[in-house]
Amino acid sequence: MTADSPSGEHTDDSPIPRAALRRLKLAARMALDKKTHAELSARIESHLAALLAPLPSQTLAFCAPVRGEFDARPLASLLLDRGWQATMPVVLESDAPMRFRRWTPSCTMGVDRYDIPIPLDGPDLVPDVVLLPLLAFDAQGFRLGYGGGYFDRTLAVLVPRPLAIGVGFELGRVADIRPQTHDIPLAAVVTEAGIMRFTPA
């Protein structure tokens, strides 16, 4: 791993079961006041822009923000102006890979079975870069999400595999999330502290 701006300030070295860790980190994120959340999000957006700027115009996948997540819509809109395309994941079946539906700032939105906003219609696109929201992450590049396994199932079947970038706050940093066999490590994690890049084993 290499880190452009490493920080161990919020490192949690206590072994905590994954379900309890999810609850703990979600509560910490939800407890961020509006001003702090906005300030940290602005730093995250700046780091993401720096990470993506050198890439040619591609297709970016990202999620609409829920439960205090980073809002990637302004960044996606900026990339659209630079010739990129944008898409959001859509869950059609509980145990199947997700599809990615084209997103624009003016597209009609609805919600899926989990009340997550998604484009109501539009063509499917195959993403080159995927921004994955996270609750926790560790030094090996593994991410802890909400536990549904959707991103892992989806990334496992996409060929070529898109660049997978975890996006979250430093409060989610832990020593070890106890990855399971199906967990796919990320290429990078971006927080307000900077960009952490991971070298595949």
C-alpha atoms as a PDB file:
ATOM      1  CA  MET A   1       0.000   0.000   0.000  1.00  0.00           C
ATOM      2  CA  THR A   2       1.037   3.549  -0.640  1.00  0.00           C
ATOM      3  CA  ALA A   3      -0.680   6.537   0.910  1.00  0.00           C
ATOM      4  CA  ASP A   4      -0.573  10.032  -0.503  1.00  0.00           C
ATOM      5  CA  SER A   5      -1.726  11.406   2.831  1.00  0.00           C
ATOM      6  CA  PRO A   6      -1.753   8.696   5.510  1.00  0.00           C
ATOM      7  CA  SER A   7      -3.396   9.191   8.846  1.00  0.00           C
ATOM      8  CA  GLY A   8      -3.688   6.844  11.795  1.00  0.00           C
ATOM      9  CA  GLU A   9      -5.596   9.317  13.897  1.00  0.00           C
ATOM     10  CA  HIS A  10      -8.787   7.285  13.951  1.00  0.00           C
ATOM     11  CA  THR A  11      -7.274   3.796  13.821  1.00  0.00           C
ATOM     12  CA  ASP A  12      -9.266   1.283  15.836  1.00  0.00           C
ATOM     13  CA  ASP A  13      -7.153  -1.693  16.902  1.00  0.00           C
ATOM     14  CA  SER A  14      -9.862  -3.491  18.868  1.00  0.00           C
ATOM     15  CA  PRO A  15     -11.198  -6.666  17.283  1.00  0.00           C
ATOM     16  CA  ILE A  16     -14.927  -6.041  16.788  1.00  0.00           C
ATOM     17  CA  PRO A  17     -17.379  -8.391  15.040  1.00  0.00           C
ATOM     18  CA  ARG A  18     -18.347  -7.076  11.613  1.00  0.00           C
ATOM     19  CA  ALA A  19     -22.011  -6.485  12.445  1.00  0.00           C
ATOM     20  CA  ALA A  20     -21.105  -4.477  15.534  1.00  0.00           C
ATOM     21  CA  LEU A  21     -18.451  -2.581  13.582  1.00  0.00           C
ATOM     22  CA  ARG A  22     -21.058  -1.611  10.991  1.00  0.00           C
ATOM     23  CA  ARG A  23     -23.340  -0.213  13.668  1.00  0.00           C
ATOM     24  CA  LEU A  24     -20.491   1.628  15.369  1.00  0.00           C
ATOM     25  CA  LYS A  25     -19.169   3.273  12.220  1.00  0.00           C
ATOM     26  CA  LEU A  26     -22.602   4.138  10.862  1.00  0.00           C
ATOM     27  CA  ALA A  27     -23.477   5.835  14.149  1.00  0.00           C
ATOM     28  CA  ALA A  28     -20.208   7.779  14.075  1.00  0.00           C
ATOM     29  CA  ARG A  29     -20.855   8.972  10.535  1.00  0.00           C
ATOM     30  CA  MET A  30     -24.431   9.944  11.282  1.00  0.00           C
ATOM     31  CA  ALA A  31     -23.210  11.919  14.292  1.00  0.00           C
ATOM     32  CA  LEU A  32     -21.172  14.293  12.119  1.00  0.00           C
ATOM     33  CA  ASP A  33     -22.680  17.756  12.274  1.00  0.00           C
ATOM     34  CA  LYS A  34     -23.652  19.416   8.998  1.00  0.00           C
ATOM     35  CA  LYS A  35     -20.724  21.836   8.937  1.00  0.00           C
ATOM     36  CA  THR A  36     -18.113  19.155   9.652  1.00  0.00           C
ATOM     37  CA  HIS A  37     -19.656  16.792   7.118  1.00  0.00           C
ATOM     38  CA  ALA A  38     -19.536  19.508   4.453  1.00  0.00           C
ATOM     39  CA  GLU A  39     -15.907  20.377   5.228  1.00  0.00           C
ATOM     40  CA  LEU A  40     -14.772  16.747   5.155  1.00  0.00           C
ATOM     41  CA  SER A  41     -16.773  16.089   1.989  1.00  0.00           C
ATOM     42  CA  ALA A  42     -15.110  19.026   0.234  1.00  0.00           C
ATOM     43  CA  ARG A  43     -11.694  17.505   0.987  1.00  0.00           C
ATOM     44  CA  ILE A  44     -12.842  14.097  -0.261  1.00  0.00           C
ATOM     45  CA  GLU A  45     -14.108  15.646  -3.488  1.00  0.00           C
ATOM     46  CA  SER A  46     -10.800  17.442  -4.010  1.00  0.00           C
ATOM     47  CA  HIS A  47      -8.814  14.212  -3.571  1.00  0.00           C
ATOM     48  CA  LEU A  48     -11.163  12.281  -5.860  1.00  0.00           C
ATOM     49  CA  ALA A  49     -10.892  14.960  -8.536  1.00  0.00           C
ATOM     50  CA  ALA A  50      -7.097  14.748  -8.342  1.00  0.00           C
ATOM     51  CA  LEU A  51      -7.235  10.957  -8.632  1.00  0.00           C
ATOM     52  CA  LEU A  52      -9.580  10.931 -11.626  1.00  0.00           C
ATOM     53  CA  ALA A  53      -8.298  14.002 -13.489  1.00  0.00           C
ATOM     54  CA  PRO A  54      -5.396  12.194 -15.241  1.00  0.00           C
ATOM     55  CA  LEU A  55      -7.745   9.524 -16.638  1.00  0.00           C
ATOM     56  CA  PRO A  56      -9.265   9.778 -20.112  1.00  0.00           C
ATOM     57  CA  SER A  57     -13.036  10.282 -20.330  1.00  0.00           C
ATOM     58  CA  GLN A  58     -14.679   7.097 -19.095  1.00  0.00           C
ATOM     59  CA  THR A  59     -17.836   5.877 -17.373  1.00  0.00           C
ATOM     60  CA  LEU A  60     -18.100   6.545 -13.645  1.00  0.00           C
ATOM     61  CA  ALA A  61     -20.434   4.579 -11.387  1.00  0.00           C
ATOM     62  CA  PHE A  62     -21.459   6.008  -8.032  1.00  0.00           C
ATOM     63  CA  CYS A  63     -24.286   5.744  -5.525  1.00  0.00           C
ATOM     64  CA  ALA A  64     -26.753   8.407  -4.492  1.00  0.00           C
ATOM     65  CA  PRO A  65     -25.852   9.378  -0.906  1.00  0.00           C
ATOM     66  CA  VAL A  66     -27.805   7.836   1.970  1.00  0.00           C
ATOM     67  CA  ARG A  67     -27.222   7.738   5.721  1.00  0.00           C
ATOM     68  CA  GLY A  68     -24.565  10.422   5.784  1.00  0.00           C
ATOM     69  CA  GLU A  69     -22.489   9.166   2.859  1.00  0.00           C
ATOM     70  CA  PHE A  70     -20.301  11.390   0.719  1.00  0.00           C
ATOM     71  CA  ASP A  71     -22.294  12.991  -2.101  1.00  0.00           C
ATOM     72  CA  ALA A  72     -20.510  12.334  -5.404  1.00  0.00           C
ATOM     73  CA  ARG A  73     -23.126  14.040  -7.591  1.00  0.00           C
ATOM     74  CA  PRO A  74     -21.301  17.386  -7.919  1.00  0.00           C
ATOM     75  CA  LEU A  75     -18.104  15.603  -8.940  1.00  0.00           C
ATOM     76  CA  ALA A  76     -19.994  13.401 -11.390  1.00  0.00           C
ATOM     77  CA  SER A  77     -21.605  16.492 -12.920  1.00  0.00           C
ATOM     78  CA  LEU A  78     -18.181  18.073 -13.352  1.00  0.00           C
ATOM     79  CA  LEU A  79     -16.874  14.936 -15.052  1.00  0.00           C
ATOM     80  CA  LEU A  80     -19.881  14.891 -17.375  1.00  0.00           C
ATOM     81  CA  ASP A  81     -18.869  18.368 -18.515  1.00  0.00           C
ATOM     82  CA  ARG A  82     -15.461  16.909 -19.356  1.00  0.00           C
ATOM     83  CA  GLY A  83     -16.844  14.169 -21.565  1.00  0.00           C
ATOM     84  CA  TRP A  84     -17.387  11.373 -19.040  1.00  0.00           C
ATOM     85  CA  GLN A  85     -20.559   9.356 -18.632  1.00  0.00           C
ATOM     86  CA  ALA A  86     -22.093   8.546 -15.261  1.00  0.00           C
ATOM     87  CA  THR A  87     -24.161   5.664 -13.999  1.00  0.00           C
ATOM     88  CA  MET A  88     -25.716   4.406 -10.773  1.00  0.00           C
ATOM     89  CA  PRO A  89     -26.021   0.803  -9.594  1.00  0.00           C
ATOM     90  CA  VAL A  90     -29.491  -0.727  -9.656  1.00  0.00           C
ATOM     91  CA  VAL A  91     -30.465  -3.843  -7.702  1.00  0.00           C
ATOM     92  CA  LEU A  92     -32.848  -5.976  -9.761  1.00  0.00           C
ATOM     93  CA  GLU A  93     -32.451  -9.275  -7.900  1.00  0.00           C
ATOM     94  CA  SER A  94     -31.335  -9.890  -4.318  1.00  0.00           C
ATOM     95  CA  ASP A  95     -28.627 -12.464  -5.080  1.00  0.00           C
ATOM     96  CA  ALA A  96     -27.538 -11.276  -8.514  1.00  0.00           C
ATOM     97  CA  PRO A  97     -24.987  -8.721  -9.722  1.00  0.00           C
ATOM     98  CA  MET A  98     -26.214  -5.163 -10.025  1.00  0.00           C
ATOM     99  CA  ARG A  99     -26.839  -3.345 -13.278  1.00  0.00           C
ATOM    100  CA  PHE A 100     -25.613   0.193 -13.924  1.00  0.00           C
ATOM    101  CA  ARG A 101     -28.128   2.694 -15.302  1.00  0.00           C
ATOM    102  CA  ARG A 102     -27.075   5.963 -16.898  1.00  0.00           C
ATOM    103  CA  TRP A 103     -27.357   9.025 -14.661  1.00  0.00           C
ATOM    104  CA  THR A 104     -27.492  12.715 -15.536  1.00  0.00           C
ATOM    105  CA  PRO A 105     -28.314  15.642 -13.238  1.00  0.00           C
ATOM    106  CA  SER A 106     -31.690  16.003 -14.970  1.00  0.00           C
ATOM    107  CA  CYS A 107     -32.734  12.342 -15.129  1.00  0.00           C
ATOM    108  CA  THR A 108     -35.911  11.207 -13.395  1.00  0.00           C
ATOM    109  CA  MET A 109     -35.134   9.507 -10.101  1.00  0.00           C
ATOM    110  CA  GLY A 110     -36.998   6.925  -8.058  1.00  0.00           C
ATOM    111  CA  VAL A 111     -35.984   4.615  -5.210  1.00  0.00           C
ATOM    112  CA  ASP A 112     -35.128   0.931  -5.083  1.00  0.00           C
ATOM    113  CA  ARG A 113     -36.254  -1.668  -2.552  1.00  0.00           C
ATOM    114  CA  TYR A 114     -33.815  -0.212  -0.019  1.00  0.00           C
ATOM    115  CA  ASP A 115     -35.029   3.369  -0.520  1.00  0.00           C
ATOM    116  CA  ILE A 116     -31.805   4.272  -2.300  1.00  0.00           C
ATOM    117  CA  PRO A 117     -32.332   6.792  -5.115  1.00  0.00           C
ATOM    118  CA  ILE A 118     -31.783   5.379  -8.612  1.00  0.00           C
ATOM    119  CA  PRO A 119     -32.482   6.579 -12.165  1.00  0.00           C
ATOM    120  CA  LEU A 120     -35.950   5.379 -13.175  1.00  0.00           C
ATOM    121  CA  ASP A 121     -35.001   4.695 -16.775  1.00  0.00           C
ATOM    122  CA  GLY A 122     -32.178   4.994 -19.250  1.00  0.00           C
ATOM    123  CA  PRO A 123     -29.675   2.643 -20.853  1.00  0.00           C
ATOM    124  CA  ASP A 124     -27.351   0.323 -18.979  1.00  0.00           C
ATOM    125  CA  LEU A 125     -23.677   1.268 -19.109  1.00  0.00           C
ATOM    126  CA  VAL A 126     -20.598  -0.718 -18.120  1.00  0.00           C
ATOM    127  CA  PRO A 127     -18.504   1.326 -15.666  1.00  0.00           C
ATOM    128  CA  ASP A 128     -14.774   1.837 -15.959  1.00  0.00           C
ATOM    129  CA  VAL A 129     -14.512   3.380 -12.479  1.00  0.00           C
ATOM    130  CA  VAL A 130     -16.732   2.560  -9.504  1.00  0.00           C
ATOM    131  CA  LEU A 131     -16.954   4.675  -6.362  1.00  0.00           C
ATOM    132  CA  LEU A 132     -17.963   2.391  -3.500  1.00  0.00           C
ATOM    133  CA  PRO A 133     -19.378   3.907  -0.305  1.00  0.00           C
ATOM    134  CA  LEU A 134     -17.932   2.355   2.818  1.00  0.00           C
ATOM    135  CA  LEU A 135     -18.524   2.223   6.542  1.00  0.00           C
ATOM    136  CA  ALA A 136     -15.041   0.988   7.391  1.00  0.00           C
ATOM    137  CA  PHE A 137     -11.789   0.139   5.629  1.00  0.00           C
ATOM    138  CA  ASP A 138      -8.455  -1.341   6.618  1.00  0.00           C
ATOM    139  CA  ALA A 139      -4.791  -1.097   5.685  1.00  0.00           C
ATOM    140  CA  GLN A 140      -5.080  -4.000   3.229  1.00  0.00           C
ATOM    141  CA  GLY A 141      -7.670  -2.207   1.100  1.00  0.00           C
ATOM    142  CA  PHE A 142     -10.707  -4.144   2.232  1.00  0.00           C
ATOM    143  CA  ARG A 143     -14.023  -2.379   2.655  1.00  0.00           C
ATOM    144  CA  LEU A 144     -16.921  -2.944   5.000  1.00  0.00           C
ATOM    145  CA  GLY A 145     -20.284  -1.975   3.550  1.00  0.00           C
ATOM    146  CA  TYR A 146     -23.811  -2.642   4.715  1.00  0.00           C
ATOM    147  CA  GLY A 147     -23.496  -6.397   4.412  1.00  0.00           C
ATOM    148  CA  GLY A 148     -25.556  -7.141   1.305  1.00  0.00           C
ATOM    149  CA  GLY A 149     -22.561  -8.230  -0.780  1.00  0.00           C
ATOM    150  CA  TYR A 150     -23.885  -6.511  -3.908  1.00  0.00           C
ATOM    151  CA  PHE A 151     -20.676  -4.779  -4.898  1.00  0.00           C
ATOM    152  CA  ASP A 152     -18.540  -7.873  -4.354  1.00  0.00           C
ATOM    153  CA  ARG A 153     -20.889 -10.000  -6.489  1.00  0.00           C
ATOM    154  CA  THR A 154     -20.930  -7.344  -9.178  1.00  0.00           C
ATOM    155  CA  LEU A 155     -17.197  -6.661  -9.312  1.00  0.00           C
ATOM    156  CA  ALA A 156     -16.507 -10.406  -9.451  1.00  0.00           C
ATOM    157  CA  VAL A 157     -18.306 -10.774 -12.793  1.00  0.00           C
ATOM    158  CA  LEU A 158     -17.305  -7.568 -14.583  1.00  0.00           C
ATOM    159  CA  VAL A 159     -14.624  -8.162 -17.227  1.00  0.00           C
ATOM    160  CA  PRO A 160     -12.465  -6.202 -17.335  1.00  0.00           C
ATOM    161  CA  ARG A 161     -12.893  -5.336 -13.685  1.00  0.00           C
ATOM    162  CA  PRO A 162     -13.433  -1.602 -13.199  1.00  0.00           C
ATOM    163  CA  LEU A 163     -11.194   0.525 -11.032  1.00  0.00           C
ATOM    164  CA  ALA A 164     -12.787   0.143  -7.595  1.00  0.00           C
ATOM    165  CA  ILE A 165     -12.341   3.147  -5.305  1.00  0.00           C
ATOM    166  CA  GLY A 166     -13.708   3.137  -1.766  1.00  0.00           C
ATOM    167  CA  VAL A 167     -15.006   6.495  -0.573  1.00  0.00           C
ATOM    168  CA  GLY A 168     -15.658   7.416   3.043  1.00  0.00           C
ATOM    169  CA  PHE A 169     -14.478   9.272   6.087  1.00  0.00           C
ATOM    170  CA  GLU A 170     -11.389   8.752   8.222  1.00  0.00           C
ATOM    171  CA  LEU A 171     -13.603   7.761  11.134  1.00  0.00           C
ATOM    172  CA  GLY A 172     -14.080   4.487   9.273  1.00  0.00           C
ATOM    173  CA  ARG A 173     -10.401   3.524   9.389  1.00  0.00           C
ATOM    174  CA  VAL A 174      -9.739   0.290  11.329  1.00  0.00           C
ATOM    175  CA  ALA A 175      -6.819  -2.086  11.627  1.00  0.00           C
ATOM    176  CA  ASP A 176      -8.604  -5.100  10.148  1.00  0.00           C
ATOM    177  CA  ILE A 177     -12.176  -5.562   8.955  1.00  0.00           C
ATOM    178  CA  ARG A 178     -11.753  -9.357   9.006  1.00  0.00           C
ATOM    179  CA  PRO A 179     -12.279  -9.836   5.262  1.00  0.00           C
ATOM    180  CA  GLN A 180     -14.203 -12.873   4.123  1.00  0.00           C
ATOM    181  CA  THR A 181     -13.367 -15.037   1.141  1.00  0.00           C
ATOM    182  CA  HIS A 182     -15.763 -13.164  -1.159  1.00  0.00           C
ATOM    183  CA  ASP A 183     -14.456  -9.706  -0.224  1.00  0.00           C
ATOM    184  CA  ILE A 184     -12.644  -7.991  -3.088  1.00  0.00           C
ATOM    185  CA  PRO A 185      -9.859  -5.546  -2.172  1.00  0.00           C
ATOM    186  CA  LEU A 186     -10.067  -2.019  -3.497  1.00  0.00           C
ATOM    187  CA  ALA A 187      -7.607  -0.304  -5.810  1.00  0.00           C
ATOM    188  CA  ALA A 188      -7.750   2.804  -3.623  1.00  0.00           C
ATOM    189  CA  VAL A 189      -9.590   4.419  -0.730  1.00  0.00           C
ATOM    190  CA  VAL A 190     -10.254   8.151  -0.635  1.00  0.00           C
ATOM    191  CA  THR A 191     -11.059   9.988   2.579  1.00  0.00           C
ATOM    192  CA  GLU A 192     -10.663  13.567   3.728  1.00  0.00           C
ATOM    193  CA  ALA A 193      -7.060  12.658   4.661  1.00  0.00           C
ATOM    194  CA  GLY A 194      -6.034  11.756   1.141  1.00  0.00           C
ATOM    195  CA  ILE A 195      -5.694   8.891  -1.316  1.00  0.00           C
ATOM    196  CA  MET A 196      -4.590   5.429  -0.210  1.00  0.00           C
ATOM    197  CA  ARG A 197      -3.551   3.220  -3.115  1.00  0.00           C
ATOM    198  CA  PHE A 198      -3.278  -0.540  -2.796  1.00  0.00           C
ATOM    199  CA  THR A 199      -1.094  -2.918  -4.780  1.00  0.00           C
ATOM    200  CA  PRO A 200      -2.799  -6.208  -5.700  1.00  0.00           C
ATOM    201  CA  ALA A 201      -1.273  -9.229  -4.000  1.00  0.00           C
END
